[in-house]
Amino acid sequence: TGGRGGYFDEFGIIRDVMQNHLLQILSLVAMEKPVTCHPDDIRDEKVKVLKSISALSLDDMVLGQYVGNPAGTGEAAKGYLDDPTVDSNSTTPTYALGVLKINNERWQGVPFILRCGKALNERKAEVRIQYQDIPGDIFEGNTKRNELVIRVQPGEALYFK
């Protein structure tokens, strides 16, 4: 947490990253075409998406807290509870994965997987959209790349994988 443990411990990864940044991106990806590009019309479409998200159950979530690597050196050897600004009994999640379902005609049955965490192997922010095969595929199943990656950081990019 880079010395921000005391602050972070109050909010956790869900409030710090998931409810702010990831839900913002989700709503932009899943919204219907707004009437105009006016911010009010875009906001209205984003709100429709957010209102149509099903309530999450514990089965839809994975929560965790990072620990140090005993074989690691430097920061890699330290866990969340090793931060002196964090309560030694803290159970605040530093990792969260949530499977969200949007109840509307376009996205019915499509899982949206939001994942974020501190002290992961890679620091990146991206949206990945995985496409499934559909009946009547004009490419006759010959396509190998079924994932659109929108890299937000580091190094903005857009590519198929």
Foldseek 3Di string as FASTA:
>chain_A
DVLCLLVCLVQFPCRVDVVPPVLVVVLQVPFDDFPDPPPVRSVVRSVLQVVQKDDFDPVFKDFDFFAADCPDDDPNRHTSCNNPSHDVPGPGTQKMWGWIAGPDDVGHPPTAIDIGGPPDPDDWDKGKDFDDDDPPPPVVPPDDWGIWIATPDDPTDTDTD
